[in-house]
Protein backbone atom coordinates (compact mmCIF):
# COMPACT_ATOMS: atom_id res chain seq x y z
CA MET A 1 -0.04 0.07 -0.15
CA GLN A 2 2.95 2.47 0.93
CA ALA A 3 4.41 1.63 -2.65
CA MET A 4 0.92 2.35 -4.32
CA SER A 5 0.61 5.71 -2.32
CA ALA A 6 4.05 6.98 -3.52
CA LEU A 7 3.41 5.99 -6.93
CA ARG A 8 -0.05 7.38 -7.10
CA ALA A 9 1.46 10.76 -5.65
CA SER A 10 3.60 10.64 -8.14
CA SER A 11 0.96 10.09 -11.02
CA LEU A 12 -0.65 13.18 -9.69
CA GLN A 13 2.17 15.49 -10.76
CA HIS A 14 2.64 13.40 -13.82
CA PRO A 15 -1.12 13.23 -15.19
CA HIS A 16 0.16 10.80 -17.86
CA ALA A 17 1.67 7.91 -15.79
CA GLN A 18 -0.84 5.24 -15.30
CA VAL A 19 -1.08 3.84 -11.94
CA THR A 20 -3.20 1.09 -11.23
CA GLU A 21 -3.92 -0.77 -7.63
CA GLY A 22 -5.01 -4.22 -7.87
CA ALA A 23 -7.05 -4.45 -11.34
CA VAL A 24 -5.92 -6.02 -14.50
CA GLY A 25 -7.13 -4.70 -17.57
CA PRO A 26 -6.05 -2.34 -20.34
CA ASN A 27 -4.65 0.09 -18.27
CA PHE A 28 -2.75 -1.97 -16.12
CA SER A 29 0.85 -1.55 -15.62
CA PRO A 30 3.09 -4.02 -13.69
CA LEU A 31 4.80 -2.47 -10.72
CA TYR A 32 8.40 -2.57 -12.35
CA LYS A 33 7.09 -0.39 -15.31
CA GLN A 34 5.77 2.20 -12.86
CA ILE A 35 9.14 2.51 -11.24
CA LYS A 36 10.98 2.50 -14.39
CA ALA A 37 8.67 5.30 -15.41
CA LEU A 38 9.32 7.36 -12.36
CA LEU A 39 13.04 6.89 -12.76
CA THR A 40 12.61 7.89 -16.38
CA ARG A 41 11.16 11.04 -15.57
CA SER A 42 14.06 11.66 -12.76
CA LEU A 43 16.27 11.29 -16.06
CA GLN A 44 14.37 13.36 -18.07
CA GLY A 45 14.27 16.17 -15.15
CA SER A 46 18.07 16.13 -14.83
CA GLU A 47 18.02 14.77 -11.33
CA TRP A 48 20.70 12.27 -12.29
CA ARG A 49 22.79 13.88 -15.21
CA PRO A 50 24.56 11.87 -18.27
CA GLY A 51 27.94 10.38 -16.71
CA GLU A 52 26.62 10.68 -13.15
CA VAL A 53 25.94 7.44 -10.83
CA ILE A 54 22.37 6.85 -10.30
CA PRO A 55 21.39 6.00 -6.04
CA SER A 56 21.71 1.94 -5.61
CA GLU A 57 19.28 -0.58 -5.98
CA ILE A 58 18.91 -0.70 -2.17
CA GLU A 59 18.33 3.00 -1.95
CA LEU A 60 15.86 3.08 -4.75
CA ALA A 61 13.97 0.45 -3.41
CA ALA A 62 13.52 2.39 -0.05
CA ARG A 63 12.44 5.53 -2.18
CA PHE A 64 10.04 4.20 -3.49
CA LYS A 65 9.13 1.59 -0.83
CA VAL A 66 8.97 -1.66 -3.30
CA SER A 67 11.27 -4.48 -3.20
CA GLN A 68 15.05 -4.51 -4.70
CA GLY A 69 13.90 -6.83 -7.13
CA THR A 70 11.42 -4.55 -8.92
CA VAL A 71 14.02 -1.77 -9.11
CA ARG A 72 16.56 -4.39 -10.78
CA LYS A 73 13.77 -5.20 -13.23
CA ALA A 74 13.21 -1.45 -14.07
CA ILE A 75 16.87 -0.78 -14.37
CA ASP A 76 17.50 -3.91 -16.71
CA GLU A 77 15.10 -2.31 -18.84
CA LEU A 78 16.57 1.04 -19.02
CA ALA A 79 19.83 -0.34 -19.74
CA ALA A 80 18.96 -2.25 -22.27
CA GLU A 81 17.27 0.60 -23.80
CA ASN A 82 20.79 2.12 -23.75
CA LEU A 83 19.46 4.70 -21.26
CA LEU A 84 21.55 3.49 -18.04
CA VAL A 85 24.94 1.74 -18.21
CA ARG A 86 25.93 -0.83 -15.48
CA ARG A 87 29.48 -0.99 -14.58
CA GLN A 88 30.71 -3.58 -12.55
CA GLY A 89 31.77 -3.04 -9.18
CA LYS A 90 30.92 0.64 -9.67
CA GLY A 91 27.03 1.25 -9.99
CA THR A 92 24.59 2.35 -12.54
CA PHE A 93 25.09 5.63 -14.31
CA VAL A 94 23.30 7.52 -16.68
CA ALA A 95 24.22 6.54 -20.36
CA THR A 96 26.26 9.31 -22.08
CA HIS A 97 26.96 9.56 -26.07
CA ALA A 98 30.86 10.20 -24.94
CA GLU A 99 30.46 6.51 -23.64
CA GLN A 100 32.41 4.57 -26.45
CA LYS A 101 29.77 1.76 -26.30
CA VAL A 102 26.96 4.57 -27.21
CA ARG A 103 28.82 6.76 -29.21
CA TYR A 104 28.47 5.06 -32.70
CA ARG A 105 24.61 3.58 -31.81
CA PHE A 106 23.16 5.81 -34.13
CA LEU A 107 25.88 5.77 -37.26
CA ARG A 108 25.56 2.33 -39.04
CA LEU A 109 28.17 2.80 -41.83
CA THR A 110 30.92 0.16 -41.79
CA PRO A 111 33.47 0.05 -44.17
CA ASP A 112 34.13 -3.26 -46.55
CA VAL A 113 37.28 -3.87 -44.88
CA GLY A 114 38.11 -2.65 -41.24
CA GLY A 115 36.61 -1.04 -38.46
CA GLY A 116 33.48 0.97 -37.99
CA GLY A 117 32.57 4.39 -37.59
CA ALA A 118 35.20 5.65 -35.00
CA GLY A 119 37.63 6.41 -38.10
CA LEU A 120 35.35 8.62 -39.51
CA GLU A 121 36.30 12.61 -39.79
CA ARG A 122 34.06 15.67 -39.45
CA GLN A 123 33.74 18.34 -41.89
CA LEU A 124 31.19 21.27 -40.94
CA LEU A 125 30.22 23.03 -43.90
CA ASP A 126 27.63 25.32 -42.34
CA CYS A 127 25.46 26.06 -39.74
CA LEU A 128 22.72 28.44 -40.36
CA ARG A 129 19.45 30.11 -38.35
CA LEU A 130 16.21 30.06 -40.25
CA ARG A 131 12.91 29.11 -40.80
CA ALA A 132 11.37 25.77 -40.57
CA PRO A 133 9.82 24.91 -43.62
CA ALA A 134 6.36 23.09 -43.93
CA ASP A 135 7.93 19.30 -44.11
CA VAL A 136 10.45 19.46 -41.53
CA ALA A 137 8.33 21.54 -39.05
CA ARG A 138 5.44 18.55 -39.53
CA GLN A 139 8.20 15.99 -38.63
CA LEU A 140 9.32 17.65 -35.74
CA ASP A 141 6.06 18.85 -34.37
CA LEU A 142 6.77 22.58 -35.08
CA ARG A 143 4.78 25.15 -36.64
CA THR A 144 5.82 26.39 -40.36
CA GLY A 145 8.40 29.40 -39.88
CA ASP A 146 9.57 28.33 -36.20
CA ALA A 147 12.77 28.95 -35.60
CA MET A 148 15.35 26.35 -36.54
CA VAL A 149 19.09 25.45 -36.79
CA LYS A 150 20.13 23.73 -40.10
CA VAL A 151 23.64 22.09 -39.93
CA ARG A 152 25.38 20.72 -42.92
CA ARG A 153 28.61 18.66 -42.39
CA MET A 154 30.51 15.83 -44.46
CA LEU A 155 32.15 12.58 -43.20
CA HIS A 156 35.37 11.46 -44.52
CA ALA A 157 36.93 7.85 -44.19
CA ASN A 158 40.71 8.00 -45.23
CA GLY A 159 40.21 11.53 -47.13
CA LYS A 160 37.26 10.26 -49.01
CA PRO A 161 34.02 12.11 -48.44
CA VAL A 162 31.28 9.36 -47.47
CA VAL A 163 28.51 10.90 -46.19
CA LEU A 164 26.89 14.25 -46.71
CA ASP A 165 24.79 15.13 -43.84
CA GLU A 166 21.73 17.89 -43.19
CA ILE A 167 20.72 18.37 -39.83
CA TRP A 168 17.86 20.15 -38.37
CA LEU A 169 17.19 21.35 -34.89
CA PRO A 170 14.42 23.28 -33.21
CA GLY A 171 15.86 26.69 -32.62
CA ARG A 172 14.47 27.10 -29.07
CA LEU A 173 16.23 23.95 -27.92
CA PHE A 174 19.44 24.89 -29.19
CA LYS A 175 19.86 28.57 -28.65
CA GLY A 176 23.67 29.45 -28.91
CA LEU A 177 24.59 26.84 -31.00
CA THR A 178 27.04 28.20 -33.96
CA ALA A 179 29.37 26.90 -36.50
CA GLU A 180 32.44 28.00 -33.92
CA ARG A 181 30.91 25.86 -31.34
CA LEU A 182 30.59 22.88 -33.58
CA SER A 183 34.17 23.29 -34.99
CA LEU A 184 35.77 23.46 -31.65
CA HIS A 185 34.01 20.45 -30.26
CA ARG A 186 35.82 17.09 -30.45
CA GLY A 187 33.59 14.81 -29.12
CA PRO A 188 30.40 13.29 -30.77
CA MET A 189 28.10 15.56 -32.19
CA TYR A 190 25.13 14.19 -29.69
CA GLY A 191 27.63 14.44 -26.98
CA LEU A 192 27.48 18.32 -27.13
CA PHE A 193 24.06 18.18 -27.39
CA GLU A 194 23.48 16.69 -24.32
CA THR A 195 26.28 18.44 -22.23
CA GLU A 196 25.62 22.01 -23.34
CA PHE A 197 22.03 21.86 -24.41
CA GLY A 198 20.72 19.21 -22.05
CA VAL A 199 18.79 17.14 -25.17
CA ARG A 200 19.53 13.88 -25.03
CA MET A 201 18.80 11.48 -28.45
CA ILE A 202 17.31 8.33 -26.84
CA ARG A 203 15.79 6.51 -30.01
CA ALA A 204 15.71 7.29 -33.59
CA GLU A 205 13.31 6.08 -36.44
CA GLU A 206 15.01 5.56 -40.08
CA LYS A 207 13.68 5.88 -43.57
CA ILE A 208 15.80 4.44 -46.18
CA ARG A 209 15.80 4.33 -49.80
CA ALA A 210 18.23 4.41 -53.26
CA VAL A 211 18.65 7.67 -55.07
CA ALA A 212 20.62 9.14 -57.65
CA ALA A 213 23.26 12.14 -56.69
CA ASP A 214 22.22 15.47 -58.17
CA SER A 215 24.57 17.98 -59.12
CA THR A 216 25.41 19.29 -55.76
CA SER A 217 25.69 16.05 -53.86
CA ALA A 218 27.65 14.72 -56.66
CA GLU A 219 30.55 17.39 -56.40
CA LEU A 220 30.46 17.39 -52.53
CA LEU A 221 30.63 13.60 -52.45
CA GLU A 222 33.34 13.42 -55.25
CA VAL A 223 31.13 11.10 -57.37
CA ALA A 224 29.42 11.45 -61.09
CA THR A 225 25.97 13.21 -61.41
CA GLY A 226 23.57 10.25 -61.26
CA ASN A 227 25.80 7.89 -59.15
CA PRO A 228 23.43 5.57 -57.13
CA LEU A 229 23.40 7.06 -53.27
CA LEU A 230 21.86 5.84 -50.03
CA SER A 231 19.56 8.38 -48.48
CA VAL A 232 18.74 7.80 -44.85
CA GLU A 233 16.38 10.23 -43.25
CA ARG A 234 16.32 9.55 -39.41
CA LEU A 235 14.00 11.34 -36.91
CA SER A 236 15.61 11.32 -33.76
CA TYR A 237 13.82 11.49 -30.19
CA THR A 238 14.52 12.61 -26.51
CA TYR A 239 12.19 11.55 -23.63
CA ASP A 240 8.51 11.23 -23.83
CA ASP A 241 9.11 10.43 -27.40
CA ARG A 242 9.37 14.06 -28.23
CA PRO A 243 11.10 14.88 -31.75
CA VAL A 244 14.11 17.02 -31.38
CA GLU A 245 16.34 16.02 -34.44
CA LEU A 246 15.66 15.63 -38.32
CA ARG A 247 18.81 14.44 -40.19
CA ARG A 248 18.90 13.64 -43.76
CA GLY A 249 22.09 11.66 -44.88
CA LEU A 250 23.41 10.74 -48.43
CA TYR A 251 25.57 8.02 -48.00
CA ASN A 252 28.50 7.10 -51.05
CA THR A 253 28.64 3.15 -50.14
CA SER A 254 30.86 2.36 -52.91
CA ASP A 255 33.44 1.12 -50.41
CA HIS A 256 30.90 1.08 -47.18
CA PHE A 257 27.71 -0.85 -46.39
CA TYR A 258 24.94 0.41 -44.17
CA ARG A 259 24.96 -1.77 -41.04
CA ASN A 260 21.90 -3.14 -39.13
CA GLU A 261 21.10 -5.58 -36.20
CA LEU A 262 18.17 -7.69 -35.95
CA SER A 263 17.10 -9.06 -32.81
């Protein structure tokens, strides 16, 4: 009863939480799922920031007045979703895009021979502030004309251009993002987003199709006009399934392939 009282109080503060006592029906949520939701809200509210250790399972069990096993099951799911990282003998930490394990989770380009995305070098083309076109605004749940940041960059492998990225970001979330800040940052772009702007990419959806290079992309990717390219459109989400980045990439896959893992 104490656990349910604590969870019910939280649900009053967060009306979207579904807390059900005793009944099993369409809105029923197992207790560990409710604990997972409360932990996610703590992450979203920056109670624990990326890279920081969270309280132990025992401390969290006492906080929510549930069993340690219930907390462990909730943390297991958050770790499987790459929101938390367990470190043997050290505790459980908030995942960060600075982590080697997470850093290239969204980059699937792999050379035909050799390693993965770690060998790619970045070249910033431009960083502009402009108004959201209708198609971009629709995907990011914004209004046409809202302030946006548009970033274009190239990724090179062994000095050869392989990816042309066009990245759209909501202006209100990325105030102060400039070409200079992007150029000076040495880590992954998503690491910059989470440490300096408090925006963490949790998951992404992608649409992939084959296209022919137009004159602009052909010149930048150093291929012939009409050369086949892989078009990858990625919509990235933060907590509460809120879209915060639209990325349109053109990939030259003559020496690379797009890798995915299905489970």
